[in-house]
PDB file of N, CA and C in Angstrom:
ATOM      1  N   UNK A   1     -19.259  12.766  21.098  1.00  0.00           N
ATOM      2  CA  UNK A   1     -18.245  13.413  20.782  1.00  0.00           C
ATOM      3  C   UNK A   1     -18.307  12.691  19.259  1.00  0.00           C
ATOM      4  N   UNK A   2     -18.363  13.274  18.456  1.00  0.00           N
ATOM      5  CA  UNK A   2     -18.188  12.463  17.194  1.00  0.00           C
ATOM      6  C   UNK A   2     -16.566  13.118  16.716  1.00  0.00           C
ATOM      7  N   UNK A   3     -15.794  12.147  16.034  1.00  0.00           N
ATOM      8  CA  UNK A   3     -14.664  12.380  15.702  1.00  0.00           C
ATOM      9  C   UNK A   3     -13.634  12.113  16.518  1.00  0.00           C
ATOM     10  N   UNK A   4     -13.859  11.962  17.728  1.00  0.00           N
ATOM     11  CA  UNK A   4     -12.883  11.301  18.654  1.00  0.00           C
ATOM     12  C   UNK A   4     -12.706  10.163  18.527  1.00  0.00           C
ATOM     13  N   UNK A   5     -11.317   9.714  18.613  1.00  0.00           N
ATOM     14  CA  UNK A   5     -10.716   8.289  18.362  1.00  0.00           C
ATOM     15  C   UNK A   5     -10.288   7.806  19.664  1.00  0.00           C
ATOM     16  N   UNK A   6     -10.392   6.661  20.088  1.00  0.00           N
ATOM     17  CA  UNK A   6     -10.089   6.198  21.372  1.00  0.00           C
ATOM     18  C   UNK A   6      -8.924   5.263  20.925  1.00  0.00           C
ATOM     19  N   UNK A   7      -7.575   5.394  21.406  1.00  0.00           N
ATOM     20  CA  UNK A   7      -6.879   4.553  21.201  1.00  0.00           C
ATOM     21  C   UNK A   7      -6.994   2.775  21.614  1.00  0.00           C
ATOM     22  N   UNK A   8      -6.451   2.100  20.697  1.00  0.00           N
ATOM     23  CA  UNK A   8      -7.106   0.490  20.986  1.00  0.00           C
ATOM     24  C   UNK A   8      -5.491  -0.130  21.279  1.00  0.00           C
ATOM     25  N   UNK A   9      -5.781  -1.044  22.286  1.00  0.00           N
ATOM     26  CA  UNK A   9      -4.332  -2.021  22.241  1.00  0.00           C
ATOM     27  C   UNK A   9      -4.217  -2.892  21.077  1.00  0.00           C
ATOM     28  N   UNK A  10      -2.802  -2.614  20.243  1.00  0.00           N
ATOM     29  CA  UNK A  10      -2.749  -3.411  19.126  1.00  0.00           C
ATOM     30  C   UNK A  10      -2.414  -4.545  19.547  1.00  0.00           C
ATOM     31  N   UNK A  11      -1.177  -4.936  20.558  1.00  0.00           N
ATOM     32  CA  UNK A  11      -0.348  -6.029  20.637  1.00  0.00           C
ATOM     33  C   UNK A  11      -1.889  -6.579  21.844  1.00  0.00           C
ATOM     34  N   UNK A  12      -2.227  -8.028  21.581  1.00  0.00           N
ATOM     35  CA  UNK A  12      -3.181  -8.412  22.335  1.00  0.00           C
ATOM     36  C   UNK A  12      -2.413  -9.840  23.051  1.00  0.00           C
ATOM     37  N   UNK A  13      -1.285 -10.085  22.878  1.00  0.00           N
ATOM     38  CA  UNK A  13      -0.761 -11.003  23.970  1.00  0.00           C
ATOM     39  C   UNK A  13       0.546 -11.658  23.411  1.00  0.00           C
ATOM     40  N   UNK A  14       1.305 -12.261  24.185  1.00  0.00           N
ATOM     41  CA  UNK A  14       2.383 -12.643  23.845  1.00  0.00           C
ATOM     42  C   UNK A  14       2.891 -13.885  24.853  1.00  0.00           C
ATOM     43  N   UNK A  15       3.847 -14.676  24.422  1.00  0.00           N
ATOM     44  CA  UNK A  15       4.215 -16.006  25.052  1.00  0.00           C
ATOM     45  C   UNK A  15       5.133 -16.533  24.042  1.00  0.00           C
ATOM     46  N   UNK A  16       5.763 -17.892  24.596  1.00  0.00           N
ATOM     47  CA  UNK A  16       6.694 -18.743  24.117  1.00  0.00           C
ATOM     48  C   UNK A  16       5.967 -20.019  23.274  1.00  0.00           C
ATOM     49  N   UNK A  17       6.500 -20.755  22.415  1.00  0.00           N
ATOM     50  CA  UNK A  17       5.927 -21.900  21.313  1.00  0.00           C
ATOM     51  C   UNK A  17       6.349 -23.091  22.233  1.00  0.00           C
ATOM     52  N   UNK A  18       6.291 -23.964  21.988  1.00  0.00           N
ATOM     53  CA  UNK A  18       6.496 -25.422  22.786  1.00  0.00           C
ATOM     54  C   UNK A  18       7.961 -25.543  22.170  1.00  0.00           C
ATOM     55  N   UNK A  19       8.318 -24.937  21.226  1.00  0.00           N
ATOM     56  CA  UNK A  19       9.920 -25.140  20.627  1.00  0.00           C
ATOM     57  C   UNK A  19      10.522 -24.245  21.195  1.00  0.00           C
ATOM     58  N   UNK A  20      10.089 -23.092  22.048  1.00  0.00           N
ATOM     59  CA  UNK A  20      11.051 -21.989  22.812  1.00  0.00           C
ATOM     60  C   UNK A  20      11.288 -20.972  21.748  1.00  0.00           C
ATOM     61  N   UNK A  21      10.206 -20.550  20.683  1.00  0.00           N
ATOM     62  CA  UNK A  21      10.352 -19.302  20.070  1.00  0.00           C
ATOM     63  C   UNK A  21       9.455 -18.314  20.911  1.00  0.00           C
ATOM     64  N   UNK A  22       9.483 -17.289  20.565  1.00  0.00           N
ATOM     65  CA  UNK A  22       8.907 -16.056  20.955  1.00  0.00           C
ATOM     66  C   UNK A  22       7.511 -15.968  20.078  1.00  0.00           C
ATOM     67  N   UNK A  23       6.365 -15.598  20.485  1.00  0.00           N
ATOM     68  CA  UNK A  23       5.040 -15.087  19.813  1.00  0.00           C
ATOM     69  C   UNK A  23       4.794 -14.013  20.279  1.00  0.00           C
ATOM     70  N   UNK A  24       4.336 -13.015  19.306  1.00  0.00           N
ATOM     71  CA  UNK A  24       3.480 -12.018  20.047  1.00  0.00           C
ATOM     72  C   UNK A  24       2.209 -11.738  18.709  1.00  0.00           C
ATOM     73  N   UNK A  25       0.995 -11.710  19.285  1.00  0.00           N
ATOM     74  CA  UNK A  25      -0.287 -11.368  18.749  1.00  0.00           C
ATOM     75  C   UNK A  25      -0.664 -10.202  18.502  1.00  0.00           C
ATOM     76  N   UNK A  26      -1.186  -9.411  17.376  1.00  0.00           N
ATOM     77  CA  UNK A  26      -1.952  -8.265  17.344  1.00  0.00           C
ATOM     78  C   UNK A  26      -3.044  -8.333  16.710  1.00  0.00           C
ATOM     79  N   UNK A  27      -3.822  -7.478  17.103  1.00  0.00           N
ATOM     80  CA  UNK A  27      -4.730  -6.772  16.440  1.00  0.00           C
ATOM     81  C   UNK A  27      -4.445  -5.554  15.414  1.00  0.00           C
ATOM     82  N   UNK A  28      -4.602  -5.817  14.297  1.00  0.00           N
ATOM     83  CA  UNK A  28      -3.961  -4.746  13.141  1.00  0.00           C
ATOM     84  C   UNK A  28      -5.056  -3.577  13.199  1.00  0.00           C
ATOM     85  N   UNK A  29      -4.321  -2.285  13.262  1.00  0.00           N
ATOM     86  CA  UNK A  29      -4.800  -0.994  13.329  1.00  0.00           C
ATOM     87  C   UNK A  29      -4.947  -0.535  11.701  1.00  0.00           C
ATOM     88  N   UNK A  30      -5.591   0.503  11.591  1.00  0.00           N
ATOM     89  CA  UNK A  30      -5.285   1.049  10.219  1.00  0.00           C
ATOM     90  C   UNK A  30      -3.558   2.116  10.153  1.00  0.00           C
ATOM     91  N   UNK A  31      -3.388   2.341  11.336  1.00  0.00           N
ATOM     92  CA  UNK A  31      -1.769   3.167  11.389  1.00  0.00           C
ATOM     93  C   UNK A  31      -1.032   1.855  11.289  1.00  0.00           C
ATOM     94  N   UNK A  32      -1.201   0.795  11.553  1.00  0.00           N
ATOM     95  CA  UNK A  32      -0.114  -0.309  11.065  1.00  0.00           C
ATOM     96  C   UNK A  32      -0.027  -0.863  10.078  1.00  0.00           C
ATOM     97  N   UNK A  33      -1.198  -0.775   9.187  1.00  0.00           N
ATOM     98  CA  UNK A  33      -1.205  -1.069   8.022  1.00  0.00           C
ATOM     99  C   UNK A  33      -0.422   0.159   6.955  1.00  0.00           C
ATOM    100  N   UNK A  34      -0.883   1.322   7.402  1.00  0.00           N
ATOM    101  CA  UNK A  34      -0.376   2.754   6.697  1.00  0.00           C
ATOM    102  C   UNK A  34       1.322   2.610   6.756  1.00  0.00           C
ATOM    103  N   UNK A  35       1.569   2.357   8.047  1.00  0.00           N
ATOM    104  CA  UNK A  35       3.002   3.115   8.562  1.00  0.00           C
ATOM    105  C   UNK A  35       3.669   1.416   8.496  1.00  0.00           C
ATOM    106  N   UNK A  36       3.586   0.318   8.801  1.00  0.00           N
ATOM    107  CA  UNK A  36       4.073  -0.872   9.103  1.00  0.00           C
ATOM    108  C   UNK A  36       4.871  -0.950  10.486  1.00  0.00           C
ATOM    109  N   UNK A  37       4.603   0.044  11.093  1.00  0.00           N
ATOM    110  CA  UNK A  37       5.144   0.175  12.597  1.00  0.00           C
ATOM    111  C   UNK A  37       4.159  -0.816  13.352  1.00  0.00           C
ATOM    112  N   UNK A  38       4.624  -1.413  14.374  1.00  0.00           N
ATOM    113  CA  UNK A  38       3.972  -1.857  15.448  1.00  0.00           C
ATOM    114  C   UNK A  38       4.766  -1.646  16.677  1.00  0.00           C
ATOM    115  N   UNK A  39       4.113  -1.922  17.914  1.00  0.00           N
ATOM    116  CA  UNK A  39       4.774  -1.961  19.376  1.00  0.00           C
ATOM    117  C   UNK A  39       5.238  -3.326  19.599  1.00  0.00           C
ATOM    118  N   UNK A  40       6.347  -3.309  20.725  1.00  0.00           N
ATOM    119  CA  UNK A  40       6.648  -4.502  21.088  1.00  0.00           C
ATOM    120  C   UNK A  40       6.758  -4.562  22.726  1.00  0.00           C
ATOM    121  N   UNK A  41       5.945  -5.358  23.128  1.00  0.00           N
ATOM    122  CA  UNK A  41       5.716  -5.559  24.483  1.00  0.00           C
ATOM    123  C   UNK A  41       7.147  -5.572  25.541  1.00  0.00           C
ATOM    124  N   UNK A  42       6.982  -4.828  26.484  1.00  0.00           N
ATOM    125  CA  UNK A  42       8.084  -4.560  27.188  1.00  0.00           C
ATOM    126  C   UNK A  42       8.742  -5.918  27.848  1.00  0.00           C
ATOM    127  N   UNK A  43       7.800  -6.817  27.785  1.00  0.00           N
ATOM    128  CA  UNK A  43       8.301  -8.512  28.357  1.00  0.00           C
ATOM    129  C   UNK A  43       9.274  -9.076  27.500  1.00  0.00           C
ATOM    130  N   UNK A  44       9.031  -8.808  26.250  1.00  0.00           N
ATOM    131  CA  UNK A  44       9.967  -9.522  25.027  1.00  0.00           C
ATOM    132  C   UNK A  44      10.889  -8.545  24.323  1.00  0.00           C
ATOM    133  N   UNK A  45      10.946  -7.033  24.641  1.00  0.00           N
ATOM    134  CA  UNK A  45      12.039  -6.471  24.195  1.00  0.00           C
ATOM    135  C   UNK A  45      13.447  -6.582  23.875  1.00  0.00           C
ATOM    136  N   UNK A  46      13.765  -7.309  24.955  1.00  0.00           N
ATOM    137  CA  UNK A  46      15.232  -7.311  25.373  1.00  0.00           C
ATOM    138  C   UNK A  46      15.759  -8.561  24.452  1.00  0.00           C
ATOM    139  N   UNK A  47      14.798  -9.555  24.284  1.00  0.00           N
ATOM    140  CA  UNK A  47      15.239 -10.851  23.716  1.00  0.00           C
ATOM    141  C   UNK A  47      14.909 -10.925  22.137  1.00  0.00           C
ATOM    142  N   UNK A  48      14.074  -9.855  21.452  1.00  0.00           N
ATOM    143  CA  UNK A  48      14.305  -9.790  19.981  1.00  0.00           C
ATOM    144  C   UNK A  48      14.829  -8.540  19.254  1.00  0.00           C
ATOM    145  N   UNK A  49      15.474  -7.756  19.849  1.00  0.00           N
ATOM    146  CA  UNK A  49      15.962  -6.800  19.117  1.00  0.00           C
ATOM    147  C   UNK A  49      16.985  -7.069  18.108  1.00  0.00           C
ATOM    148  N   UNK A  50      17.039  -6.547  16.885  1.00  0.00           N
ATOM    149  CA  UNK A  50      17.490  -6.718  15.744  1.00  0.00           C
ATOM    150  C   UNK A  50      16.982  -6.694  14.412  1.00  0.00           C
ATOM    151  N   UNK A  51      17.236  -7.112  13.343  1.00  0.00           N
ATOM    152  CA  UNK A  51      16.831  -7.351  12.051  1.00  0.00           C
ATOM    153  C   UNK A  51      16.294  -8.762  11.583  1.00  0.00           C
ATOM    154  N   UNK A  52      15.223  -8.834  11.207  1.00  0.00           N
ATOM    155  CA  UNK A  52      14.937 -10.261  11.114  1.00  0.00           C
ATOM    156  C   UNK A  52      14.391 -10.738   9.508  1.00  0.00           C
ATOM    157  N   UNK A  53      14.794 -11.471   8.914  1.00  0.00           N
ATOM    158  CA  UNK A  53      14.146 -11.995   7.851  1.00  0.00           C
ATOM    159  C   UNK A  53      12.577 -12.442   8.244  1.00  0.00           C
ATOM    160  N   UNK A  54      11.808 -11.646   7.083  1.00  0.00           N
ATOM    161  CA  UNK A  54      10.374 -12.232   7.473  1.00  0.00           C
ATOM    162  C   UNK A  54       9.816 -13.454   6.358  1.00  0.00           C
ATOM    163  N   UNK A  55       9.308 -14.219   6.894  1.00  0.00           N
ATOM    164  CA  UNK A  55       8.873 -15.707   6.225  1.00  0.00           C
ATOM    165  C   UNK A  55       7.195 -15.524   6.560  1.00  0.00           C
ATOM    166  N   UNK A  56       6.576 -15.908   5.361  1.00  0.00           N
ATOM    167  CA  UNK A  56       5.060 -16.343   5.622  1.00  0.00           C
ATOM    168  C   UNK A  56       5.207 -17.933   6.039  1.00  0.00           C
ATOM    169  N   UNK A  57       4.162 -17.721   7.258  1.00  0.00           N
ATOM    170  CA  UNK A  57       4.045 -19.602   7.956  1.00  0.00           C
ATOM    171  C   UNK A  57       3.950 -20.224   7.065  1.00  0.00           C
ATOM    172  N   UNK A  58       2.538 -19.871   6.411  1.00  0.00           N
ATOM    173  CA  UNK A  58       2.305 -21.027   5.597  1.00  0.00           C
ATOM    174  C   UNK A  58       2.917 -21.677   4.566  1.00  0.00           C
ATOM    175  N   UNK A  59       3.750 -20.520   3.786  1.00  0.00           N
ATOM    176  CA  UNK A  59       4.121 -21.268   2.399  1.00  0.00           C
ATOM    177  C   UNK A  59       5.704 -21.232   2.620  1.00  0.00           C
ATOM    178  N   UNK A  60       6.159 -20.336   3.670  1.00  0.00           N
ATOM    179  CA  UNK A  60       7.812 -20.111   3.935  1.00  0.00           C
ATOM    180  C   UNK A  60       8.367 -19.320   2.914  1.00  0.00           C
ATOM    181  N   UNK A  61       7.585 -18.703   2.186  1.00  0.00           N
ATOM    182  CA  UNK A  61       7.876 -17.262   1.246  1.00  0.00           C
ATOM    183  C   UNK A  61       8.473 -16.203   2.038  1.00  0.00           C
ATOM    184  N   UNK A  62       9.514 -15.684   1.393  1.00  0.00           N
ATOM    185  CA  UNK A  62      10.601 -14.526   1.920  1.00  0.00           C
ATOM    186  C   UNK A  62       9.233 -13.434   1.824  1.00  0.00           C
ATOM    187  N   UNK A  63       9.099 -12.539   2.889  1.00  0.00           N
ATOM    188  CA  UNK A  63       8.182 -11.462   3.071  1.00  0.00           C
ATOM    189  C   UNK A  63       8.712 -10.245   3.665  1.00  0.00           C
ATOM    190  N   UNK A  64       9.940 -10.299   3.234  1.00  0.00           N
ATOM    191  CA  UNK A  64      10.686  -8.462   3.543  1.00  0.00           C
ATOM    192  C   UNK A  64      11.602  -9.061   4.766  1.00  0.00           C
ATOM    193  N   UNK A  65      11.794  -7.534   5.464  1.00  0.00           N
ATOM    194  CA  UNK A  65      12.668  -7.652   6.509  1.00  0.00           C
ATOM    195  C   UNK A  65      11.864  -6.837   7.650  1.00  0.00           C
ATOM    196  N   UNK A  66      12.056  -7.340   8.989  1.00  0.00           N
ATOM    197  CA  UNK A  66      11.432  -6.621  10.101  1.00  0.00           C
ATOM    198  C   UNK A  66      12.587  -6.167  10.680  1.00  0.00           C
ATOM    199  N   UNK A  67      12.542  -4.963  11.358  1.00  0.00           N
ATOM    200  CA  UNK A  67      13.671  -4.321  12.117  1.00  0.00           C
ATOM    201  C   UNK A  67      12.873  -4.073  13.665  1.00  0.00           C
ATOM    202  N   UNK A  68      13.642  -4.779  14.817  1.00  0.00           N
ATOM    203  CA  UNK A  68      13.182  -4.558  16.070  1.00  0.00           C
ATOM    204  C   UNK A  68      14.243  -3.661  17.022  1.00  0.00           C
ATOM    205  N   UNK A  69      13.647  -2.539  17.330  1.00  0.00           N
ATOM    206  CA  UNK A  69      14.951  -1.347  18.022  1.00  0.00           C
ATOM    207  C   UNK A  69      14.143  -0.884  18.788  1.00  0.00           C
ATOM    208  N   UNK A  70      14.173  -1.273  20.403  1.00  0.00           N
ATOM    209  CA  UNK A  70      13.918  -0.706  21.469  1.00  0.00           C
ATOM    210  C   UNK A  70      12.425  -1.001  21.588  1.00  0.00           C
ATOM    211  N   UNK A  71      11.170  -0.215  21.464  1.00  0.00           N
ATOM    212  CA  UNK A  71       9.913  -0.586  21.947  1.00  0.00           C
ATOM    213  C   UNK A  71       8.947  -0.780  20.746  1.00  0.00           C
ATOM    214  N   UNK A  72       9.945  -0.533  19.198  1.00  0.00           N
ATOM    215  CA  UNK A  72       8.910  -0.672  18.093  1.00  0.00           C
ATOM    216  C   UNK A  72       9.706  -1.639  17.024  1.00  0.00           C
ATOM    217  N   UNK A  73       8.903  -1.875  16.022  1.00  0.00           N
ATOM    218  CA  UNK A  73       9.323  -2.714  15.055  1.00  0.00           C
ATOM    219  C   UNK A  73       8.738  -2.142  13.926  1.00  0.00           C
ATOM    220  N   UNK A  74       9.159  -2.602  12.625  1.00  0.00           N
ATOM    221  CA  UNK A  74       8.847  -1.887  11.684  1.00  0.00           C
ATOM    222  C   UNK A  74       9.515  -2.619  10.289  1.00  0.00           C
ATOM    223  N   UNK A  75       8.724  -2.463   9.367  1.00  0.00           N
ATOM    224  CA  UNK A  75       8.972  -3.245   8.169  1.00  0.00           C
ATOM    225  C   UNK A  75       7.713  -3.970   7.299  1.00  0.00           C
ATOM    226  N   UNK A  76       6.779  -3.929   8.137  1.00  0.00           N
ATOM    227  CA  UNK A  76       5.609  -4.816   7.980  1.00  0.00           C
ATOM    228  C   UNK A  76       4.437  -4.071   7.181  1.00  0.00           C
ATOM    229  N   UNK A  77       5.075  -2.910   6.512  1.00  0.00           N
ATOM    230  CA  UNK A  77       3.526  -2.191   5.910  1.00  0.00           C
ATOM    231  C   UNK A  77       3.745  -2.965   4.531  1.00  0.00           C
ATOM    232  N   UNK A  78       4.704  -3.177   3.442  1.00  0.00           N
ATOM    233  CA  UNK A  78       4.331  -3.606   2.265  1.00  0.00           C
ATOM    234  C   UNK A  78       3.667  -5.065   2.506  1.00  0.00           C
ATOM    235  N   UNK A  79       4.093  -5.936   3.470  1.00  0.00           N
ATOM    236  CA  UNK A  79       3.525  -7.206   3.605  1.00  0.00           C
ATOM    237  C   UNK A  79       1.908  -7.042   3.983  1.00  0.00           C
ATOM    238  N   UNK A  80       1.854  -6.401   4.861  1.00  0.00           N
ATOM    239  CA  UNK A  80       0.315  -5.809   5.062  1.00  0.00           C
ATOM    240  C   UNK A  80      -0.385  -5.683   4.176  1.00  0.00           C
ATOM    241  N   UNK A  81      -0.099  -4.754   3.544  1.00  0.00           N
ATOM    242  CA  UNK A  81      -0.769  -3.839   1.978  1.00  0.00           C
ATOM    243  C   UNK A  81      -0.909  -5.312   0.991  1.00  0.00           C
ATOM    244  N   UNK A  82       0.199  -5.766   0.654  1.00  0.00           N
ATOM    245  CA  UNK A  82       0.120  -7.008  -0.312  1.00  0.00           C
ATOM    246  C   UNK A  82      -0.702  -7.898  -0.292  1.00  0.00           C
ATOM    247  N   UNK A  83      -0.793  -8.319   0.902  1.00  0.00           N
ATOM    248  CA  UNK A  83      -1.669  -9.572   1.441  1.00  0.00           C
ATOM    249  C   UNK A  83      -3.151  -9.008   1.979  1.00  0.00           C
ATOM    250  N   UNK A  84      -3.348  -7.829   1.484  1.00  0.00           N
ATOM    251  CA  UNK A  84      -4.738  -7.128   1.702  1.00  0.00           C
ATOM    252  C   UNK A  84      -5.404  -7.471   3.179  1.00  0.00           C
ATOM    253  N   UNK A  85      -4.533  -7.347   4.347  1.00  0.00           N
ATOM    254  CA  UNK A  85      -4.646  -7.282   5.646  1.00  0.00           C
ATOM    255  C   UNK A  85      -5.603  -5.992   5.613  1.00  0.00           C
ATOM    256  N   UNK A  86      -6.604  -6.320   6.920  1.00  0.00           N
ATOM    257  CA  UNK A  86      -7.612  -5.127   7.049  1.00  0.00           C
ATOM    258  C   UNK A  86      -7.255  -4.833   8.551  1.00  0.00           C
ATOM    259  N   UNK A  87      -7.850  -3.628   8.737  1.00  0.00           N
ATOM    260  CA  UNK A  87      -7.605  -3.321  10.088  1.00  0.00           C
ATOM    261  C   UNK A  87      -8.681  -4.426  10.850  1.00  0.00           C
ATOM    262  N   UNK A  88      -8.531  -4.652  11.990  1.00  0.00           N
ATOM    263  CA  UNK A  88      -9.227  -5.715  13.058  1.00  0.00           C
ATOM    264  C   UNK A  88      -8.800  -6.999  12.602  1.00  0.00           C
ATOM    265  N   UNK A  89      -7.790  -7.561  11.481  1.00  0.00           N
ATOM    266  CA  UNK A  89      -7.088  -8.365  11.352  1.00  0.00           C
ATOM    267  C   UNK A  89      -6.193  -9.081  12.505  1.00  0.00           C
ATOM    268  N   UNK A  90      -5.972  -9.981  12.501  1.00  0.00           N
ATOM    269  CA  UNK A  90      -5.198 -10.398  13.563  1.00  0.00           C
ATOM    270  C   UNK A  90      -3.882 -11.019  12.808  1.00  0.00           C
ATOM    271  N   UNK A  91      -2.658 -10.356  13.522  1.00  0.00           N
ATOM    272  CA  UNK A  91      -1.251 -11.008  13.100  1.00  0.00           C
ATOM    273  C   UNK A  91      -0.625 -11.715  14.412  1.00  0.00           C
ATOM    274  N   UNK A  92       0.089 -12.750  13.511  1.00  0.00           N
ATOM    275  CA  UNK A  92       0.819 -13.390  14.882  1.00  0.00           C
ATOM    276  C   UNK A  92       2.530 -13.232  14.369  1.00  0.00           C
ATOM    277  N   UNK A  93       3.331 -12.683  14.919  1.00  0.00           N
ATOM    278  CA  UNK A  93       4.776 -13.247  14.538  1.00  0.00           C
ATOM    279  C   UNK A  93       5.459 -13.917  15.233  1.00  0.00           C
ATOM    280  N   UNK A  94       6.042 -15.162  14.801  1.00  0.00           N
ATOM    281  CA  UNK A  94       6.972 -15.707  15.778  1.00  0.00           C
ATOM    282  C   UNK A  94       8.669 -15.512  15.219  1.00  0.00           C
ATOM    283  N   UNK A  95       9.066 -15.339  16.631  1.00  0.00           N
ATOM    284  CA  UNK A  95      10.273 -14.789  16.389  1.00  0.00           C
ATOM    285  C   UNK A  95      11.220 -16.088  16.894  1.00  0.00           C
ATOM    286  N   UNK A  96      12.410 -16.067  15.823  1.00  0.00           N
ATOM    287  CA  UNK A  96      13.315 -17.096  16.233  1.00  0.00           C
ATOM    288  C   UNK A  96      14.738 -16.298  16.123  1.00  0.00           C
ATOM    289  N   UNK A  97      14.893 -15.650  17.404  1.00  0.00           N
ATOM    290  CA  UNK A  97      16.185 -15.036  17.580  1.00  0.00           C
ATOM    291  C   UNK A  97      17.494 -15.413  17.114  1.00  0.00           C
ATOM    292  N   UNK A  98      17.761 -16.786  17.347  1.00  0.00           N
ATOM    293  CA  UNK A  98      18.971 -17.290  17.084  1.00  0.00           C
ATOM    294  C   UNK A  98      18.901 -17.403  15.425  1.00  0.00           C
ATOM    295  N   UNK A  99      17.881 -17.275  14.792  1.00  0.00           N
ATOM    296  CA  UNK A  99      18.112 -17.700  13.216  1.00  0.00           C
ATOM    297  C   UNK A  99      17.914 -16.334  12.643  1.00  0.00           C
ATOM    298  N   UNK A 100      17.663 -15.516  13.216  1.00  0.00           N
ATOM    299  CA  UNK A 100      17.065 -14.348  12.700  1.00  0.00           C
ATOM    300  C   UNK A 100      16.060 -14.102  12.059  1.00  0.00           C
ATOM    301  N   UNK A 101      14.902 -14.999  12.210  1.00  0.00           N
ATOM    302  CA  UNK A 101      13.744 -15.218  11.334  1.00  0.00           C
ATOM    303  C   UNK A 101      12.504 -14.748  12.039  1.00  0.00           C
ATOM    304  N   UNK A 102      11.465 -13.923  11.488  1.00  0.00           N
ATOM    305  CA  UNK A 102      10.533 -14.041  12.133  1.00  0.00           C
ATOM    306  C   UNK A 102       9.215 -14.459  10.920  1.00  0.00           C
ATOM    307  N   UNK A 103       8.267 -15.201  11.684  1.00  0.00           N
ATOM    308  CA  UNK A 103       7.134 -15.952  10.891  1.00  0.00           C
ATOM    309  C   UNK A 103       6.146 -15.259  10.728  1.00  0.00           C
ATOM    310  N   UNK A 104       5.028 -14.748  10.115  1.00  0.00           N
ATOM    311  CA  UNK A 104       4.151 -14.296  10.258  1.00  0.00           C
ATOM    312  C   UNK A 104       3.018 -15.084   9.606  1.00  0.00           C
ATOM    313  N   UNK A 105       1.795 -15.226  10.610  1.00  0.00           N
ATOM    314  CA  UNK A 105       0.355 -15.754  10.100  1.00  0.00           C
ATOM    315  C   UNK A 105      -0.539 -14.622  10.481  1.00  0.00           C
ATOM    316  N   UNK A 106      -1.492 -14.432   9.398  1.00  0.00           N
ATOM    317  CA  UNK A 106      -2.748 -13.288   9.657  1.00  0.00           C
ATOM    318  C   UNK A 106      -4.027 -14.220   9.752  1.00  0.00           C
ATOM    319  N   UNK A 107      -4.950 -13.983  10.221  1.00  0.00           N
ATOM    320  CA  UNK A 107      -6.004 -14.579  10.318  1.00  0.00           C
ATOM    321  C   UNK A 107      -6.984 -13.787  11.206  1.00  0.00           C
ATOM    322  N   UNK A 108      -7.978 -14.396  11.800  1.00  0.00           N
ATOM    323  CA  UNK A 108      -9.360 -13.935  12.711  1.00  0.00           C
ATOM    324  C   UNK A 108      -8.726 -14.211  14.057  1.00  0.00           C
ATOM    325  N   UNK A 109      -9.644 -13.663  15.287  1.00  0.00           N
ATOM    326  CA  UNK A 109      -8.998 -13.863  16.272  1.00  0.00           C
ATOM    327  C   UNK A 109      -8.799 -15.317  16.806  1.00  0.00           C
ATOM    328  N   UNK A 110      -9.342 -16.151  16.076  1.00  0.00           N
ATOM    329  CA  UNK A 110      -8.836 -17.766  16.523  1.00  0.00           C
ATOM    330  C   UNK A 110      -7.403 -17.732  16.876  1.00  0.00           C
ATOM    331  N   UNK A 111      -6.932 -17.016  15.484  1.00  0.00           N
ATOM    332  CA  UNK A 111      -5.524 -17.493  15.679  1.00  0.00           C
ATOM    333  C   UNK A 111      -4.420 -16.871  16.776  1.00  0.00           C
ATOM    334  N   UNK A 112      -4.857 -16.177  17.445  1.00  0.00           N
ATOM    335  CA  UNK A 112      -4.079 -15.959  18.486  1.00  0.00           C
ATOM    336  C   UNK A 112      -4.173 -17.023  19.553  1.00  0.00           C
ATOM    337  N   UNK A 113      -5.608 -16.937  19.717  1.00  0.00           N
ATOM    338  CA  UNK A 113      -6.095 -18.447  20.406  1.00  0.00           C
ATOM    339  C   UNK A 113      -5.396 -19.649  20.425  1.00  0.00           C
ATOM    340  N   UNK A 114      -4.691 -19.995  19.326  1.00  0.00           N
ATOM    341  CA  UNK A 114      -4.054 -21.314  18.835  1.00  0.00           C
ATOM    342  C   UNK A 114      -2.932 -21.302  19.783  1.00  0.00           C
ATOM    343  N   UNK A 115      -2.538 -20.057  19.681  1.00  0.00           N
ATOM    344  CA  UNK A 115      -1.186 -19.918  19.916  1.00  0.00           C
ATOM    345  C   UNK A 115      -1.108 -19.862  21.692  1.00  0.00           C
ATOM    346  N   UNK A 116      -2.128 -19.224  22.229  1.00  0.00           N
ATOM    347  CA  UNK A 116      -2.532 -19.317  23.485  1.00  0.00           C
ATOM    348  C   UNK A 116      -2.439 -20.587  23.986  1.00  0.00           C
ATOM    349  N   UNK A 117      -3.310 -21.464  23.496  1.00  0.00           N
ATOM    350  CA  UNK A 117      -3.571 -22.848  23.918  1.00  0.00           C
ATOM    351  C   UNK A 117      -2.433 -23.700  23.805  1.00  0.00           C
ATOM    352  N   UNK A 118      -1.434 -23.389  22.703  1.00  0.00           N
ATOM    353  CA  UNK A 118       0.098 -24.102  22.626  1.00  0.00           C
ATOM    354  C   UNK A 118       1.015 -24.004  23.625  1.00  0.00           C
ATOM    355  N   UNK A 119       0.968 -22.717  24.412  1.00  0.00           N
ATOM    356  CA  UNK A 119       1.629 -22.362  25.283  1.00  0.00           C
ATOM    357  C   UNK A 119       1.996 -22.910  26.558  1.00  0.00           C
TER     358      UNK A 119
END
């Protein structure tokens, strides 16, 4: 069946860092790049509601604002497009709810494995 798109799971995994922060790993879809909207796993929703100052993990540079409301988070589009993130790339967001900061890291599949191993 040509032209039939099968939905793929965007959120790949989630957990806690050694410091007690919340991380969520995503495999980026074209829809996420275009809309800047991603889903929030049910297990972490209640813990991360609100507005976050986005920071790049490597440089600590400001990267915009992320809003998490119920099952969705938005505000990633400009960051994803500005940094050349492509469909299939991986993104990890580390939430620091007390500080209202969310740190972004982009890479290949090994990126999420680093967070899984550290949890």
